[in-house]
Protein backbone atom coordinates (compact mmCIF):
# COMPACT_ATOMS: atom_id res chain seq x y z
CA MET A 1 0.00 0.00 -0.03
CA ASN A 2 1.17 3.48 -0.91
CA PHE A 3 -0.52 6.80 -0.14
CA LYS A 4 -0.16 10.50 -0.73
CA LEU A 5 -1.73 13.38 1.09
CA LEU A 6 -3.38 15.35 -1.69
CA ASN A 7 -4.88 18.18 0.41
CA ASP A 8 -4.02 19.34 3.92
CA GLU A 9 -6.70 21.99 4.45
CA GLU A 10 -9.59 21.70 6.93
CA GLN A 11 -10.69 18.44 5.29
CA LYS A 12 -7.60 16.29 4.41
CA THR A 13 -7.75 14.17 1.23
CA TYR A 14 -5.62 11.16 0.59
CA ALA A 15 -4.97 8.92 -2.40
CA ILE A 16 -4.36 5.35 -1.17
CA ILE A 17 -3.18 2.76 -3.68
CA MET A 18 -3.39 -0.88 -2.63
CA ASP A 19 -0.85 -3.29 -4.20
CA SER A 20 -1.66 -6.75 -5.48
CA GLY A 21 -2.06 -9.08 -2.54
CA ASP A 22 -2.95 -6.41 0.10
CA GLU A 23 -5.93 -7.30 2.25
CA VAL A 24 -8.03 -4.19 1.95
CA THR A 25 -9.82 -3.80 5.31
CA GLU A 26 -6.56 -4.73 7.22
CA GLN A 27 -4.59 -2.13 5.32
CA LEU A 28 -7.28 0.57 5.73
CA MET A 29 -7.27 -0.12 9.53
CA THR A 30 -3.52 0.22 9.63
CA PHE A 31 -3.73 3.48 7.66
CA ALA A 32 -6.42 4.90 9.97
CA LYS A 33 -4.38 4.13 13.06
CA LYS A 34 -1.10 5.42 11.63
CA GLU A 35 -2.69 8.68 10.42
CA LYS A 36 -4.89 9.01 13.53
CA LEU A 37 -7.89 9.70 11.30
CA SER A 38 -11.06 11.28 12.64
CA ALA A 39 -14.25 10.76 10.72
CA SER A 40 -13.53 9.69 7.18
CA GLN A 41 -15.35 8.76 4.01
CA PHE A 42 -13.89 6.92 1.04
CA THR A 43 -14.64 5.66 -2.42
CA ALA A 44 -12.64 3.23 -4.50
CA ILE A 45 -12.35 1.27 -7.80
CA GLY A 46 -10.05 -1.51 -8.87
CA ALA A 47 -10.18 -5.28 -8.63
CA PHE A 48 -10.09 -8.16 -6.15
CA SER A 49 -8.76 -11.67 -6.61
CA GLU A 50 -11.00 -12.89 -3.85
CA SER A 51 -13.44 -11.32 -1.42
CA VAL A 52 -16.08 -11.95 1.21
CA VAL A 53 -19.19 -9.72 1.35
CA GLY A 54 -21.94 -9.89 3.94
CA PHE A 55 -25.68 -9.48 4.05
CA PHE A 56 -27.04 -8.51 7.54
CA ASP A 57 -29.66 -11.01 8.70
CA PHE A 58 -31.89 -9.33 11.26
CA SER A 59 -33.27 -12.66 12.45
CA ILE A 60 -29.86 -13.63 13.81
CA LYS A 61 -28.40 -10.13 14.11
CA ASP A 62 -25.32 -11.16 12.23
CA TYR A 63 -23.92 -11.18 8.69
CA LYS A 64 -24.47 -13.98 6.26
CA LYS A 65 -21.02 -14.32 4.64
CA ILE A 66 -20.88 -14.70 0.84
CA PRO A 67 -17.44 -15.61 -0.44
CA PHE A 68 -16.10 -14.99 -3.94
CA LYS A 69 -12.99 -16.91 -4.87
CA GLU A 70 -12.56 -15.31 -8.36
CA GLN A 71 -11.20 -12.21 -10.05
CA MET A 72 -13.83 -9.52 -9.93
CA GLU A 73 -13.90 -5.80 -10.88
CA VAL A 74 -14.73 -3.35 -7.99
CA LEU A 75 -17.51 -1.38 -9.73
CA ALA A 76 -18.10 0.76 -6.65
CA LEU A 77 -16.72 0.75 -3.13
CA THR A 78 -17.91 3.30 -0.60
CA GLY A 79 -17.55 3.51 3.12
CA ASP A 80 -16.58 5.40 6.27
CA ILE A 81 -14.14 5.10 9.09
CA SER A 82 -15.54 5.93 12.54
CA ILE A 83 -14.96 5.35 16.22
CA TYR A 84 -16.69 2.71 18.35
CA LYS A 85 -15.64 2.15 21.99
CA ASP A 86 -12.39 4.09 21.34
CA GLU A 87 -11.48 1.76 18.36
CA TYR A 88 -11.54 2.47 14.63
CA LYS A 89 -14.41 0.81 12.74
CA ILE A 90 -14.54 0.46 8.95
CA HIS A 91 -18.03 0.28 7.41
CA ALA A 92 -17.91 -0.29 3.67
CA HIS A 93 -20.25 -1.55 0.96
CA VAL A 94 -19.12 -2.93 -2.41
CA VAL A 95 -20.50 -3.80 -5.85
CA LEU A 96 -18.45 -6.45 -7.68
CA GLY A 97 -18.61 -7.35 -11.31
CA ARG A 98 -18.01 -10.76 -12.77
CA SER A 99 -16.53 -11.43 -16.27
CA ASP A 100 -20.07 -12.15 -17.55
CA GLY A 101 -21.25 -8.66 -16.55
CA SER A 102 -23.30 -9.77 -13.58
CA ALA A 103 -22.90 -7.84 -10.35
CA HIS A 104 -22.94 -8.82 -6.73
CA GLY A 105 -22.60 -6.75 -3.60
CA GLY A 106 -22.92 -6.33 0.08
CA HIS A 107 -21.03 -5.27 3.21
CA LEU A 108 -17.23 -5.58 2.57
CA MET A 109 -15.78 -8.05 5.10
CA LYS A 110 -12.55 -9.09 3.39
CA ALA A 111 -10.84 -8.57 0.04
CA ILE A 112 -7.52 -9.12 -1.63
CA ALA A 113 -6.62 -6.40 -4.05
CA HIS A 114 -5.41 -7.56 -7.53
CA PRO A 115 -3.90 -5.90 -9.36
CA THR A 116 -4.83 -2.73 -7.46
CA LEU A 117 -7.40 -0.82 -5.55
CA GLU A 118 -7.44 2.96 -5.90
CA ILE A 119 -9.00 4.79 -2.88
CA ILE A 120 -9.73 8.42 -2.37
CA LEU A 121 -10.25 9.11 1.29
CA ASN A 122 -11.58 12.41 2.79
CA GLU A 123 -11.09 13.09 6.48
CA SER A 124 -13.67 15.32 8.14
CA PRO A 125 -12.68 17.71 10.95
CA GLU A 126 -15.00 15.98 13.46
CA TYR A 127 -15.25 12.48 14.81
CA LEU A 128 -18.05 10.06 13.86
CA LYS A 129 -18.89 7.90 16.86
CA ARG A 130 -20.86 4.71 16.89
CA GLU A 131 -23.14 3.43 19.68
CA MET A 132 -24.77 -0.06 19.95
CA ASP A 133 -28.32 -0.01 18.56
CA LYS A 134 -30.37 -2.45 20.70
CA ASP A 135 -32.97 -3.18 17.98
CA SER A 136 -30.42 -4.25 15.21
CA GLY A 137 -27.60 -5.40 17.46
CA ILE A 138 -25.01 -3.40 15.47
CA PRO A 139 -23.13 -0.20 16.27
CA LEU A 140 -24.65 2.68 14.34
CA ILE A 141 -23.37 6.27 13.96
CA LYS A 142 -24.83 8.70 16.42
CA ILE A 143 -24.67 12.38 15.68
């Protein structure tokens, strides 16, 4: 992973380039901690050699994991980085394209970049904090 700070004004903007073989969520978490990010939003395009997306099942209050062990285009990846119990939390959704043109998506749980993933990340000047939502059983952003 390589990155460059593109803008250092009130809202910082970074270009983050994942290398082939980088695990995306792991590298983003490392980046967030290293740069001591506050509330951040990101978008990305590129490709994955394998990935796991999730679909939240309210009946069990957990994610149904959907693995893809194939090369897929990242048609859209959007998410945020926030704070929950003094820890960074990445919340991202992805739409992936297969070679036949079909698309699949969900909550990004794990992904291996191949050959690259190009991320533009904007840091906001205030923190986003999460609190546990009793009805859904997941930590949601509270403003």
